[in-house]
Amino acid sequence: MGYSHYWHRPETVPDALWDRIRSDFDKLVLPLSDAGVVAGSAPAGPIVQEPPFLCIEILSPSDRMAEMQERIDDYLSFGVRYVWLIHPRTRRAFVYTPEQVMEVKDGILRADSPNICIPLVELE
């Protein structure tokens, strides 16, 4: 299954991450999170009514963890399979799924089916 489209907020997503994600996509949609991926066929309109495959959140100094956790819970409740939470200042990242939360210890952000692997070091 290929990627049908993506979105991002240019002011919050590092160029390296955006370039890596963008290379596999063909259509831009309205932002839900800082960046994201929808797998499969493109939606009929500009509003995503089916859950994205992946939502990416980049923590900014003004973000509060309680609010971010609420947003992540909303994504997962909507049916998003993966949420990547990236903290650029500490260079830590977490992968949220409906089943678990894992800190990225090996330096590679991952999602399966479709397979996406992005080394954190590329996000500088």
PDB file of N, CA and C in Angstrom:
ATOM      1  N   MET A   1       0.843  -1.161   0.000  1.00  0.00           N
ATOM      2  CA  MET A   1       0.000   0.000   0.000  1.00  0.00           C
ATOM      3  C   MET A   1       0.895   1.233   0.000  1.00  0.00           C
ATOM      4  N   GLY A   2       0.651   2.160  -0.882  1.00  0.00           N
ATOM      5  CA  GLY A   2       1.443   3.381  -0.947  1.00  0.00           C
ATOM      6  C   GLY A   2       0.812   4.487  -0.131  1.00  0.00           C
ATOM      7  N   TYR A   3       1.494   5.580  -0.066  1.00  0.00           N
ATOM      8  CA  TYR A   3       0.970   6.744   0.629  1.00  0.00           C
ATOM      9  C   TYR A   3       0.190   7.561  -0.380  1.00  0.00           C
ATOM     10  N   SER A   4      -0.957   8.062   0.017  1.00  0.00           N
ATOM     11  CA  SER A   4      -1.723   8.845  -0.937  1.00  0.00           C
ATOM     12  C   SER A   4      -1.508  10.335  -0.753  1.00  0.00           C
ATOM     13  N   HIS A   5      -1.292  10.787   0.436  1.00  0.00           N
ATOM     14  CA  HIS A   5      -1.057  12.219   0.644  1.00  0.00           C
ATOM     15  C   HIS A   5      -0.508  12.475   2.039  1.00  0.00           C
ATOM     16  N   TYR A   6      -0.145  13.719   2.286  1.00  0.00           N
ATOM     17  CA  TYR A   6       0.525  14.112   3.506  1.00  0.00           C
ATOM     18  C   TYR A   6       0.149  15.543   3.820  1.00  0.00           C
ATOM     19  N   TRP A   7       0.540  16.003   4.988  1.00  0.00           N
ATOM     20  CA  TRP A   7       0.419  17.426   5.337  1.00  0.00           C
ATOM     21  C   TRP A   7       1.538  17.759   6.295  1.00  0.00           C
ATOM     22  N   HIS A   8       1.772  19.027   6.453  1.00  0.00           N
ATOM     23  CA  HIS A   8       2.729  19.468   7.464  1.00  0.00           C
ATOM     24  C   HIS A   8       2.534  20.945   7.735  1.00  0.00           C
ATOM     25  N   ARG A   9       3.038  21.365   8.869  1.00  0.00           N
ATOM     26  CA  ARG A   9       3.056  22.780   9.239  1.00  0.00           C
ATOM     27  C   ARG A   9       4.510  23.215   9.140  1.00  0.00           C
ATOM     28  N   PRO A  10       4.868  23.977   8.116  1.00  0.00           N
ATOM     29  CA  PRO A  10       6.276  24.289   7.867  1.00  0.00           C
ATOM     30  C   PRO A  10       7.009  24.945   9.026  1.00  0.00           C
ATOM     31  N   GLU A  11       6.308  25.658   9.879  1.00  0.00           N
ATOM     32  CA  GLU A  11       6.993  26.345  10.975  1.00  0.00           C
ATOM     33  C   GLU A  11       7.390  25.405  12.107  1.00  0.00           C
ATOM     34  N   THR A  12       6.877  24.175  12.146  1.00  0.00           N
ATOM     35  CA  THR A  12       7.182  23.279  13.252  1.00  0.00           C
ATOM     36  C   THR A  12       7.908  22.001  12.856  1.00  0.00           C
ATOM     37  N   VAL A  13       7.898  21.647  11.594  1.00  0.00           N
ATOM     38  CA  VAL A  13       8.490  20.378  11.167  1.00  0.00           C
ATOM     39  C   VAL A  13       9.889  20.624  10.596  1.00  0.00           C
ATOM     40  N   PRO A  14      10.913  19.985  11.156  1.00  0.00           N
ATOM     41  CA  PRO A  14      12.274  20.173  10.631  1.00  0.00           C
ATOM     42  C   PRO A  14      12.354  19.795   9.149  1.00  0.00           C
ATOM     43  N   ASP A  15      13.139  20.549   8.395  1.00  0.00           N
ATOM     44  CA  ASP A  15      13.257  20.310   6.953  1.00  0.00           C
ATOM     45  C   ASP A  15      13.649  18.871   6.628  1.00  0.00           C
ATOM     46  N   ALA A  16      14.542  18.296   7.398  1.00  0.00           N
ATOM     47  CA  ALA A  16      14.998  16.930   7.108  1.00  0.00           C
ATOM     48  C   ALA A  16      13.853  15.932   7.224  1.00  0.00           C
ATOM     49  N   LEU A  17      13.025  16.082   8.272  1.00  0.00           N
ATOM     50  CA  LEU A  17      11.885  15.185   8.432  1.00  0.00           C
ATOM     51  C   LEU A  17      10.901  15.407   7.289  1.00  0.00           C
ATOM     52  N   TRP A  18      10.609  16.653   6.987  1.00  0.00           N
ATOM     53  CA  TRP A  18       9.650  16.957   5.932  1.00  0.00           C
ATOM     54  C   TRP A  18      10.141  16.418   4.589  1.00  0.00           C
ATOM     55  N   ASP A  19      11.399  16.625   4.248  1.00  0.00           N
ATOM     56  CA  ASP A  19      11.934  16.130   2.975  1.00  0.00           C
ATOM     57  C   ASP A  19      11.836  14.618   2.897  1.00  0.00           C
ATOM     58  N   ARG A  20      12.119  13.935   3.994  1.00  0.00           N
ATOM     59  CA  ARG A  20      12.070  12.472   4.017  1.00  0.00           C
ATOM     60  C   ARG A  20      10.644  11.974   3.807  1.00  0.00           C
ATOM     61  N   ILE A  21       9.682  12.570   4.493  1.00  0.00           N
ATOM     62  CA  ILE A  21       8.292  12.158   4.364  1.00  0.00           C
ATOM     63  C   ILE A  21       7.744  12.528   2.988  1.00  0.00           C
ATOM     64  N   ARG A  22       8.008  13.738   2.556  1.00  0.00           N
ATOM     65  CA  ARG A  22       7.451  14.254   1.311  1.00  0.00           C
ATOM     66  C   ARG A  22       7.875  13.436   0.103  1.00  0.00           C
ATOM     67  N   SER A  23       9.006  12.798   0.142  1.00  0.00           N
ATOM     68  CA  SER A  23       9.514  12.089  -1.026  1.00  0.00           C
ATOM     69  C   SER A  23       8.589  10.965  -1.488  1.00  0.00           C
ATOM     70  N   ASP A  24       7.716  10.469  -0.624  1.00  0.00           N
ATOM     71  CA  ASP A  24       6.831   9.356  -0.983  1.00  0.00           C
ATOM     72  C   ASP A  24       5.372   9.764  -1.206  1.00  0.00           C
ATOM     73  N   PHE A  25       5.082  11.012  -1.252  1.00  0.00           N
ATOM     74  CA  PHE A  25       3.690  11.433  -1.319  1.00  0.00           C
ATOM     75  C   PHE A  25       3.393  12.251  -2.553  1.00  0.00           C
ATOM     76  N   ASP A  26       2.087  12.380  -2.855  1.00  0.00           N
ATOM     77  CA  ASP A  26       1.736  13.125  -4.052  1.00  0.00           C
ATOM     78  C   ASP A  26       0.643  14.161  -3.864  1.00  0.00           C
ATOM     79  N   LYS A  27       0.094  14.309  -2.669  1.00  0.00           N
ATOM     80  CA  LYS A  27      -0.987  15.267  -2.486  1.00  0.00           C
ATOM     81  C   LYS A  27      -0.930  15.881  -1.093  1.00  0.00           C
ATOM     82  N   LEU A  28      -1.141  17.160  -1.009  1.00  0.00           N
ATOM     83  CA  LEU A  28      -1.147  17.888   0.259  1.00  0.00           C
ATOM     84  C   LEU A  28      -2.579  18.045   0.752  1.00  0.00           C
ATOM     85  N   VAL A  29      -2.810  17.830   2.048  1.00  0.00           N
ATOM     86  CA  VAL A  29      -4.134  18.045   2.639  1.00  0.00           C
ATOM     87  C   VAL A  29      -4.008  18.982   3.830  1.00  0.00           C
ATOM     88  N   LEU A  30      -5.126  19.397   4.375  1.00  0.00           N
ATOM     89  CA  LEU A  30      -5.124  20.329   5.490  1.00  0.00           C
ATOM     90  C   LEU A  30      -4.475  19.713   6.730  1.00  0.00           C
ATOM     91  N   PRO A  31      -3.758  20.511   7.525  1.00  0.00           N
ATOM     92  CA  PRO A  31      -3.058  19.971   8.688  1.00  0.00           C
ATOM     93  C   PRO A  31      -3.998  19.553   9.806  1.00  0.00           C
ATOM     94  N   LEU A  32      -3.703  18.420  10.413  1.00  0.00           N
ATOM     95  CA  LEU A  32      -4.355  17.972  11.638  1.00  0.00           C
ATOM     96  C   LEU A  32      -3.353  18.072  12.775  1.00  0.00           C
ATOM     97  N   SER A  33      -2.187  17.522  12.565  1.00  0.00           N
ATOM     98  CA  SER A  33      -1.083  17.581  13.521  1.00  0.00           C
ATOM     99  C   SER A  33       0.029  18.370  12.841  1.00  0.00           C
ATOM    100  N   ASP A  34       1.237  18.362  13.416  1.00  0.00           N
ATOM    101  CA  ASP A  34       2.345  19.075  12.774  1.00  0.00           C
ATOM    102  C   ASP A  34       2.671  18.471  11.418  1.00  0.00           C
ATOM    103  N   ALA A  35       2.566  17.151  11.316  1.00  0.00           N
ATOM    104  CA  ALA A  35       2.776  16.453  10.046  1.00  0.00           C
ATOM    105  C   ALA A  35       2.046  15.128  10.135  1.00  0.00           C
ATOM    106  N   GLY A  36       1.832  14.502   9.001  1.00  0.00           N
ATOM    107  CA  GLY A  36       1.148  13.224   9.049  1.00  0.00           C
ATOM    108  C   GLY A  36       1.128  12.525   7.713  1.00  0.00           C
ATOM    109  N   VAL A  37       0.623  11.300   7.736  1.00  0.00           N
ATOM    110  CA  VAL A  37       0.589  10.434   6.568  1.00  0.00           C
ATOM    111  C   VAL A  37      -0.772   9.756   6.509  1.00  0.00           C
ATOM    112  N   VAL A  38      -1.359   9.743   5.326  1.00  0.00           N
ATOM    113  CA  VAL A  38      -2.554   8.950   5.077  1.00  0.00           C
ATOM    114  C   VAL A  38      -2.169   7.891   4.072  1.00  0.00           C
ATOM    115  N   ALA A  39      -2.434   6.636   4.405  1.00  0.00           N
ATOM    116  CA  ALA A  39      -2.109   5.527   3.511  1.00  0.00           C
ATOM    117  C   ALA A  39      -3.354   5.131   2.730  1.00  0.00           C
ATOM    118  N   GLY A  40      -3.138   4.609   1.531  1.00  0.00           N
ATOM    119  CA  GLY A  40      -4.263   4.164   0.716  1.00  0.00           C
ATOM    120  C   GLY A  40      -4.731   5.241  -0.222  1.00  0.00           C
ATOM    121  N   SER A  41      -6.004   5.179  -0.583  1.00  0.00           N
ATOM    122  CA  SER A  41      -6.535   6.123  -1.571  1.00  0.00           C
ATOM    123  C   SER A  41      -6.770   7.491  -0.934  1.00  0.00           C
ATOM    124  N   ALA A  42      -6.692   8.506  -1.764  1.00  0.00           N
ATOM    125  CA  ALA A  42      -6.867   9.884  -1.315  1.00  0.00           C
ATOM    126  C   ALA A  42      -8.316  10.137  -0.919  1.00  0.00           C
ATOM    127  N   PRO A  43      -8.546  11.009   0.079  1.00  0.00           N
ATOM    128  CA  PRO A  43      -9.923  11.336   0.449  1.00  0.00           C
ATOM    129  C   PRO A  43     -10.618  12.123  -0.653  1.00  0.00           C
ATOM    130  N   ALA A  44     -11.940  12.104  -0.635  1.00  0.00           N
ATOM    131  CA  ALA A  44     -12.723  12.783  -1.674  1.00  0.00           C
ATOM    132  C   ALA A  44     -12.601  14.299  -1.592  1.00  0.00           C
ATOM    133  N   GLY A  45     -12.362  14.845  -0.415  1.00  0.00           N
ATOM    134  CA  GLY A  45     -12.280  16.291  -0.259  1.00  0.00           C
ATOM    135  C   GLY A  45     -11.090  16.693   0.578  1.00  0.00           C
ATOM    136  N   PRO A  46     -10.997  17.983   0.925  1.00  0.00           N
ATOM    137  CA  PRO A  46      -9.836  18.482   1.666  1.00  0.00           C
ATOM    138  C   PRO A  46      -9.833  18.121   3.149  1.00  0.00           C
ATOM    139  N   ILE A  47     -10.928  17.612   3.667  1.00  0.00           N
ATOM    140  CA  ILE A  47     -10.996  17.250   5.080  1.00  0.00           C
ATOM    141  C   ILE A  47     -10.867  15.742   5.214  1.00  0.00           C
ATOM    142  N   VAL A  48      -9.916  15.312   6.024  1.00  0.00           N
ATOM    143  CA  VAL A  48      -9.683  13.887   6.237  1.00  0.00           C
ATOM    144  C   VAL A  48     -10.786  13.359   7.149  1.00  0.00           C
ATOM    145  N   GLN A  49     -11.600  12.441   6.621  1.00  0.00           N
ATOM    146  CA  GLN A  49     -12.676  11.862   7.418  1.00  0.00           C
ATOM    147  C   GLN A  49     -12.346  10.453   7.893  1.00  0.00           C
ATOM    148  N   GLU A  50     -11.351   9.844   7.304  1.00  0.00           N
ATOM    149  CA  GLU A  50     -10.838   8.558   7.753  1.00  0.00           C
ATOM    150  C   GLU A  50      -9.574   8.840   8.564  1.00  0.00           C
ATOM    151  N   PRO A  51      -9.252   7.991   9.528  1.00  0.00           N
ATOM    152  CA  PRO A  51      -8.066   8.265  10.342  1.00  0.00           C
ATOM    153  C   PRO A  51      -6.782   8.212   9.527  1.00  0.00           C
ATOM    154  N   PRO A  52      -5.885   9.164   9.734  1.00  0.00           N
ATOM    155  CA  PRO A  52      -4.569   9.077   9.118  1.00  0.00           C
ATOM    156  C   PRO A  52      -3.838   7.840   9.650  1.00  0.00           C
ATOM    157  N   PHE A  53      -2.870   7.370   8.916  1.00  0.00           N
ATOM    158  CA  PHE A  53      -2.031   6.256   9.341  1.00  0.00           C
ATOM    159  C   PHE A  53      -1.085   6.707  10.457  1.00  0.00           C
ATOM    160  N   LEU A  54      -0.540   7.916  10.302  1.00  0.00           N
ATOM    161  CA  LEU A  54       0.487   8.427  11.201  1.00  0.00           C
ATOM    162  C   LEU A  54       0.282   9.917  11.418  1.00  0.00           C
ATOM    163  N   CYS A  55       0.319  10.351  12.679  1.00  0.00           N
ATOM    164  CA  CYS A  55       0.354  11.771  13.023  1.00  0.00           C
ATOM    165  C   CYS A  55       1.684  12.033  13.719  1.00  0.00           C
ATOM    166  N   ILE A  56       2.302  13.156  13.381  1.00  0.00           N
ATOM    167  CA  ILE A  56       3.590  13.524  13.965  1.00  0.00           C
ATOM    168  C   ILE A  56       3.430  14.844  14.694  1.00  0.00           C
ATOM    169  N   GLU A  57       3.818  14.853  15.946  1.00  0.00           N
ATOM    170  CA  GLU A  57       3.795  16.069  16.753  1.00  0.00           C
ATOM    171  C   GLU A  57       5.213  16.421  17.157  1.00  0.00           C
ATOM    172  N   ILE A  58       5.594  17.675  16.924  1.00  0.00           N
ATOM    173  CA  ILE A  58       6.899  18.202  17.314  1.00  0.00           C
ATOM    174  C   ILE A  58       6.649  19.140  18.506  1.00  0.00           C
ATOM    175  N   LEU A  59       7.201  18.817  19.666  1.00  0.00           N
ATOM    176  CA  LEU A  59       6.988  19.658  20.847  1.00  0.00           C
ATOM    177  C   LEU A  59       7.658  21.009  20.677  1.00  0.00           C
ATOM    178  N   SER A  60       6.934  22.039  20.998  1.00  0.00           N
ATOM    179  CA  SER A  60       7.485  23.391  20.997  1.00  0.00           C
ATOM    180  C   SER A  60       7.546  23.860  22.448  1.00  0.00           C
ATOM    181  N   PRO A  61       8.277  24.938  22.716  1.00  0.00           N
ATOM    182  CA  PRO A  61       8.372  25.422  24.101  1.00  0.00           C
ATOM    183  C   PRO A  61       7.012  25.757  24.726  1.00  0.00           C
ATOM    184  N   SER A  62       6.031  26.116  23.913  1.00  0.00           N
ATOM    185  CA  SER A  62       4.725  26.486  24.464  1.00  0.00           C
ATOM    186  C   SER A  62       3.802  25.286  24.690  1.00  0.00           C
ATOM    187  N   ASP A  63       4.164  24.114  24.201  1.00  0.00           N
ATOM    188  CA  ASP A  63       3.327  22.927  24.392  1.00  0.00           C
ATOM    189  C   ASP A  63       3.360  22.461  25.835  1.00  0.00           C
ATOM    190  N   ARG A  64       2.225  22.035  26.330  1.00  0.00           N
ATOM    191  CA  ARG A  64       2.107  21.456  27.654  1.00  0.00           C
ATOM    192  C   ARG A  64       1.810  19.967  27.484  1.00  0.00           C
ATOM    193  N   MET A  65       2.495  19.130  28.261  1.00  0.00           N
ATOM    194  CA  MET A  65       2.374  17.688  28.079  1.00  0.00           C
ATOM    195  C   MET A  65       0.953  17.197  28.306  1.00  0.00           C
ATOM    196  N   ALA A  66       0.232  17.765  29.256  1.00  0.00           N
ATOM    197  CA  ALA A  66      -1.154  17.336  29.503  1.00  0.00           C
ATOM    198  C   ALA A  66      -2.018  17.576  28.269  1.00  0.00           C
ATOM    199  N   GLU A  67      -1.852  18.737  27.631  1.00  0.00           N
ATOM    200  CA  GLU A  67      -2.610  19.039  26.413  1.00  0.00           C
ATOM    201  C   GLU A  67      -2.172  18.145  25.260  1.00  0.00           C
ATOM    202  N   MET A  68      -0.871  17.884  25.168  1.00  0.00           N
ATOM    203  CA  MET A  68      -0.358  17.019  24.108  1.00  0.00           C
ATOM    204  C   MET A  68      -0.882  15.593  24.288  1.00  0.00           C
ATOM    205  N   GLN A  69      -0.908  15.113  25.531  1.00  0.00           N
ATOM    206  CA  GLN A  69      -1.416  13.761  25.781  1.00  0.00           C
ATOM    207  C   GLN A  69      -2.888  13.664  25.394  1.00  0.00           C
ATOM    208  N   GLU A  70      -3.641  14.695  25.677  1.00  0.00           N
ATOM    209  CA  GLU A  70      -5.051  14.724  25.290  1.00  0.00           C
ATOM    210  C   GLU A  70      -5.191  14.657  23.770  1.00  0.00           C
ATOM    211  N   ARG A  71      -4.364  15.400  23.063  1.00  0.00           N
ATOM    212  CA  ARG A  71      -4.381  15.387  21.599  1.00  0.00           C
ATOM    213  C   ARG A  71      -4.012  13.992  21.069  1.00  0.00           C
ATOM    214  N   ILE A  72      -2.981  13.388  21.650  1.00  0.00           N
ATOM    215  CA  ILE A  72      -2.565  12.046  21.234  1.00  0.00           C
ATOM    216  C   ILE A  72      -3.692  11.045  21.488  1.00  0.00           C
ATOM    217  N   ASP A  73      -4.331  11.141  22.650  1.00  0.00           N
ATOM    218  CA  ASP A  73      -5.466  10.262  22.953  1.00  0.00           C
ATOM    219  C   ASP A  73      -6.578  10.436  21.922  1.00  0.00           C
ATOM    220  N   ASP A  74      -6.830  11.682  21.514  1.00  0.00           N
ATOM    221  CA  ASP A  74      -7.845  11.944  20.480  1.00  0.00           C
ATOM    222  C   ASP A  74      -7.464  11.281  19.162  1.00  0.00           C
ATOM    223  N   TYR A  75      -6.200  11.404  18.753  1.00  0.00           N
ATOM    224  CA  TYR A  75      -5.764  10.757  17.511  1.00  0.00           C
ATOM    225  C   TYR A  75      -6.001   9.257  17.570  1.00  0.00           C
ATOM    226  N   LEU A  76      -5.571   8.629  18.667  1.00  0.00           N
ATOM    227  CA  LEU A  76      -5.701   7.177  18.788  1.00  0.00           C
ATOM    228  C   LEU A  76      -7.170   6.764  18.852  1.00  0.00           C
ATOM    229  N   SER A  77      -7.993   7.553  19.519  1.00  0.00           N
ATOM    230  CA  SER A  77      -9.430   7.261  19.577  1.00  0.00           C
ATOM    231  C   SER A  77     -10.080   7.376  18.202  1.00  0.00           C
ATOM    232  N   PHE A  78      -9.582   8.264  17.376  1.00  0.00           N
ATOM    233  CA  PHE A  78     -10.083   8.447  16.013  1.00  0.00           C
ATOM    234  C   PHE A  78      -9.685   7.280  15.111  1.00  0.00           C
ATOM    235  N   GLY A  79      -8.670   6.517  15.534  1.00  0.00           N
ATOM    236  CA  GLY A  79      -8.238   5.369  14.739  1.00  0.00           C
ATOM    237  C   GLY A  79      -6.863   5.514  14.129  1.00  0.00           C
ATOM    238  N   VAL A  80      -6.133   6.566  14.486  1.00  0.00           N
ATOM    239  CA  VAL A  80      -4.765   6.729  13.996  1.00  0.00           C
ATOM    240  C   VAL A  80      -3.932   5.567  14.541  1.00  0.00           C
ATOM    241  N   ARG A  81      -3.168   4.907  13.674  1.00  0.00           N
ATOM    242  CA  ARG A  81      -2.400   3.735  14.104  1.00  0.00           C
ATOM    243  C   ARG A  81      -1.104   4.092  14.806  1.00  0.00           C
ATOM    244  N   TYR A  82      -0.483   5.196  14.413  1.00  0.00           N
ATOM    245  CA  TYR A  82       0.792   5.619  15.011  1.00  0.00           C
ATOM    246  C   TYR A  82       0.781   7.116  15.249  1.00  0.00           C
ATOM    247  N   VAL A  83       1.331   7.520  16.397  1.00  0.00           N
ATOM    248  CA  VAL A  83       1.600   8.927  16.678  1.00  0.00           C
ATOM    249  C   VAL A  83       3.059   9.003  17.109  1.00  0.00           C
ATOM    250  N   TRP A  84       3.820   9.838  16.408  1.00  0.00           N
ATOM    251  CA  TRP A  84       5.212  10.084  16.788  1.00  0.00           C
ATOM    252  C   TRP A  84       5.256  11.419  17.516  1.00  0.00           C
ATOM    253  N   LEU A  85       5.821  11.420  18.705  1.00  0.00           N
ATOM    254  CA  LEU A  85       6.010  12.641  19.481  1.00  0.00           C
ATOM    255  C   LEU A  85       7.514  12.895  19.567  1.00  0.00           C
ATOM    256  N   ILE A  86       7.930  14.034  19.041  1.00  0.00           N
ATOM    257  CA  ILE A  86       9.357  14.349  18.962  1.00  0.00           C
ATOM    258  C   ILE A  86       9.638  15.591  19.807  1.00  0.00           C
ATOM    259  N   HIS A  87      10.631  15.476  20.670  1.00  0.00           N
ATOM    260  CA  HIS A  87      11.062  16.594  21.508  1.00  0.00           C
ATOM    261  C   HIS A  87      12.422  17.049  20.977  1.00  0.00           C
ATOM    262  N   PRO A  88      12.451  18.088  20.136  1.00  0.00           N
ATOM    263  CA  PRO A  88      13.706  18.468  19.479  1.00  0.00           C
ATOM    264  C   PRO A  88      14.813  18.940  20.428  1.00  0.00           C
ATOM    265  N   ARG A  89      14.452  19.586  21.528  1.00  0.00           N
ATOM    266  CA  ARG A  89      15.475  20.101  22.432  1.00  0.00           C
ATOM    267  C   ARG A  89      16.230  18.968  23.125  1.00  0.00           C
ATOM    268  N   THR A  90      15.513  17.938  23.566  1.00  0.00           N
ATOM    269  CA  THR A  90      16.158  16.824  24.271  1.00  0.00           C
ATOM    270  C   THR A  90      16.552  15.693  23.329  1.00  0.00           C
ATOM    271  N   ARG A  91      16.114  15.779  22.060  1.00  0.00           N
ATOM    272  CA  ARG A  91      16.394  14.750  21.042  1.00  0.00           C
ATOM    273  C   ARG A  91      15.831  13.395  21.458  1.00  0.00           C
ATOM    274  N   ARG A  92      14.692  13.427  22.134  1.00  0.00           N
ATOM    275  CA  ARG A  92      13.983  12.205  22.500  1.00  0.00           C
ATOM    276  C   ARG A  92      12.723  12.105  21.654  1.00  0.00           C
ATOM    277  N   ALA A  93      12.270  10.876  21.444  1.00  0.00           N
ATOM    278  CA  ALA A  93      11.046  10.657  20.680  1.00  0.00           C
ATOM    279  C   ALA A  93      10.298   9.470  21.268  1.00  0.00           C
ATOM    280  N   PHE A  94       8.985   9.485  21.061  1.00  0.00           N
ATOM    281  CA  PHE A  94       8.117   8.426  21.549  1.00  0.00           C
ATOM    282  C   PHE A  94       7.169   8.014  20.440  1.00  0.00           C
ATOM    283  N   VAL A  95       6.868   6.723  20.398  1.00  0.00           N
ATOM    284  CA  VAL A  95       5.913   6.187  19.429  1.00  0.00           C
ATOM    285  C   VAL A  95       4.703   5.700  20.218  1.00  0.00           C
ATOM    286  N   TYR A  96       3.548   6.268  19.898  1.00  0.00           N
ATOM    287  CA  TYR A  96       2.296   5.877  20.530  1.00  0.00           C
ATOM    288  C   TYR A  96       1.502   5.030  19.549  1.00  0.00           C
ATOM    289  N   THR A  97       0.945   3.939  20.036  1.00  0.00           N
ATOM    290  CA  THR A  97       0.000   3.119  19.277  1.00  0.00           C
ATOM    291  C   THR A  97      -1.187   2.875  20.208  1.00  0.00           C
ATOM    292  N   PRO A  98      -2.274   2.309  19.697  1.00  0.00           N
ATOM    293  CA  PRO A  98      -3.395   2.013  20.598  1.00  0.00           C
ATOM    294  C   PRO A  98      -3.007   1.039  21.719  1.00  0.00           C
ATOM    295  N   GLU A  99      -1.987   0.227  21.491  1.00  0.00           N
ATOM    296  CA  GLU A  99      -1.586  -0.780  22.473  1.00  0.00           C
ATOM    297  C   GLU A  99      -0.537  -0.312  23.477  1.00  0.00           C
ATOM    298  N   GLN A 100       0.330   0.639  23.060  1.00  0.00           N
ATOM    299  CA  GLN A 100       1.461   0.971  23.930  1.00  0.00           C
ATOM    300  C   GLN A 100       2.094   2.305  23.571  1.00  0.00           C
ATOM    301  N   VAL A 101       2.974   2.738  24.483  1.00  0.00           N
ATOM    302  CA  VAL A 101       3.834   3.900  24.261  1.00  0.00           C
ATOM    303  C   VAL A 101       5.259   3.402  24.432  1.00  0.00           C
ATOM    304  N   MET A 102       6.110   3.731  23.449  1.00  0.00           N
ATOM    305  CA  MET A 102       7.504   3.292  23.531  1.00  0.00           C
ATOM    306  C   MET A 102       8.425   4.481  23.286  1.00  0.00           C
ATOM    307  N   GLU A 103       9.421   4.626  24.141  1.00  0.00           N
ATOM    308  CA  GLU A 103      10.451   5.611  23.847  1.00  0.00           C
ATOM    309  C   GLU A 103      11.355   5.022  22.767  1.00  0.00           C
ATOM    310  N   VAL A 104      11.768   5.853  21.834  1.00  0.00           N
ATOM    311  CA  VAL A 104      12.662   5.416  20.763  1.00  0.00           C
ATOM    312  C   VAL A 104      14.062   5.345  21.354  1.00  0.00           C
ATOM    313  N   LYS A 105      14.532   4.141  21.615  1.00  0.00           N
ATOM    314  CA  LYS A 105      15.841   3.940  22.249  1.00  0.00           C
ATOM    315  C   LYS A 105      16.942   3.666  21.225  1.00  0.00           C
ATOM    316  N   ASP A 106      16.578   3.129  20.057  1.00  0.00           N
ATOM    317  CA  ASP A 106      17.594   2.794  19.050  1.00  0.00           C
ATOM    318  C   ASP A 106      17.803   3.906  18.029  1.00  0.00           C
ATOM    319  N   GLY A 107      17.113   5.051  18.223  1.00  0.00           N
ATOM    320  CA  GLY A 107      17.324   6.187  17.337  1.00  0.00           C
ATOM    321  C   GLY A 107      16.552   6.147  16.038  1.00  0.00           C
ATOM    322  N   ILE A 108      15.571   5.224  15.899  1.00  0.00           N
ATOM    323  CA  ILE A 108      14.836   5.117  14.641  1.00  0.00           C
ATOM    324  C   ILE A 108      13.336   5.148  14.923  1.00  0.00           C
ATOM    325  N   LEU A 109      12.657   6.129  14.332  1.00  0.00           N
ATOM    326  CA  LEU A 109      11.202   6.185  14.393  1.00  0.00           C
ATOM    327  C   LEU A 109      10.661   5.170  13.399  1.00  0.00           C
ATOM    328  N   ARG A 110       9.684   4.355  13.820  1.00  0.00           N
ATOM    329  CA  ARG A 110       9.173   3.291  12.956  1.00  0.00           C
ATOM    330  C   ARG A 110       7.649   3.259  12.946  1.00  0.00           C
ATOM    331  N   ALA A 111       7.127   2.801  11.807  1.00  0.00           N
ATOM    332  CA  ALA A 111       5.716   2.450  11.650  1.00  0.00           C
ATOM    333  C   ALA A 111       5.674   1.286  10.666  1.00  0.00           C
ATOM    334  N   ASP A 112       4.708   0.408  10.833  1.00  0.00           N
ATOM    335  CA  ASP A 112       4.602  -0.775   9.975  1.00  0.00           C
ATOM    336  C   ASP A 112       3.327  -0.753   9.148  1.00  0.00           C
ATOM    337  N   SER A 113       3.422  -1.334   7.961  1.00  0.00           N
ATOM    338  CA  SER A 113       2.287  -1.563   7.042  1.00  0.00           C
ATOM    339  C   SER A 113       1.530  -0.300   6.684  1.00  0.00           C
ATOM    340  N   PRO A 114       2.075   0.649   5.964  1.00  0.00           N
ATOM    341  CA  PRO A 114       3.339   0.596   5.246  1.00  0.00           C
ATOM    342  C   PRO A 114       4.529   0.873   6.165  1.00  0.00           C
ATOM    343  N   ASN A 115       5.652   0.330   5.777  1.00  0.00           N
ATOM    344  CA  ASN A 115       6.871   0.419   6.557  1.00  0.00           C
ATOM    345  C   ASN A 115       7.519   1.797   6.397  1.00  0.00           C
ATOM    346  N   ILE A 116       7.691   2.494   7.515  1.00  0.00           N
ATOM    347  CA  ILE A 116       8.371   3.793   7.522  1.00  0.00           C
ATOM    348  C   ILE A 116       9.423   3.741   8.616  1.00  0.00           C
ATOM    349  N   CYS A 117      10.663   4.053   8.286  1.00  0.00           N
ATOM    350  CA  CYS A 117      11.769   4.102   9.248  1.00  0.00           C
ATOM    351  C   CYS A 117      12.551   5.380   9.015  1.00  0.00           C
ATOM    352  N   ILE A 118      12.628   6.228  10.019  1.00  0.00           N
ATOM    353  CA  ILE A 118      13.353   7.490   9.895  1.00  0.00           C
ATOM    354  C   ILE A 118      14.290   7.641  11.094  1.00  0.00           C
ATOM    355  N   PRO A 119      15.599   7.648  10.863  1.00  0.00           N
ATOM    356  CA  PRO A 119      16.541   7.854  11.964  1.00  0.00           C
ATOM    357  C   PRO A 119      16.414   9.258  12.547  1.00  0.00           C
ATOM    358  N   LEU A 120      16.382   9.339  13.867  1.00  0.00           N
ATOM    359  CA  LEU A 120      16.300  10.642  14.528  1.00  0.00           C
ATOM    360  C   LEU A 120      17.462  11.555  14.139  1.00  0.00           C
ATOM    361  N   VAL A 121      18.634  10.991  13.884  1.00  0.00           N
ATOM    362  CA  VAL A 121      19.796  11.799  13.530  1.00  0.00           C
ATOM    363  C   VAL A 121      19.547  12.593  12.240  1.00  0.00           C
ATOM    364  N   GLU A 122      18.659  12.111  11.367  1.00  0.00           N
ATOM    365  CA  GLU A 122      18.347  12.825  10.134  1.00  0.00           C
ATOM    366  C   GLU A 122      17.465  14.035  10.370  1.00  0.00           C
ATOM    367  N   LEU A 123      16.995  14.227  11.574  1.00  0.00           N
ATOM    368  CA  LEU A 123      16.074  15.316  11.858  1.00  0.00           C
ATOM    369  C   LEU A 123      16.757  16.582  12.344  1.00  0.00           C
ATOM    370  N   GLU A 124      18.073  16.660  12.215  1.00  0.00           N
ATOM    371  CA  GLU A 124      18.794  17.850  12.648  1.00  0.00           C
ATOM    372  C   GLU A 124      18.580  18.986  11.692  1.00  0.00           C
TER     373      GLU A 124
END
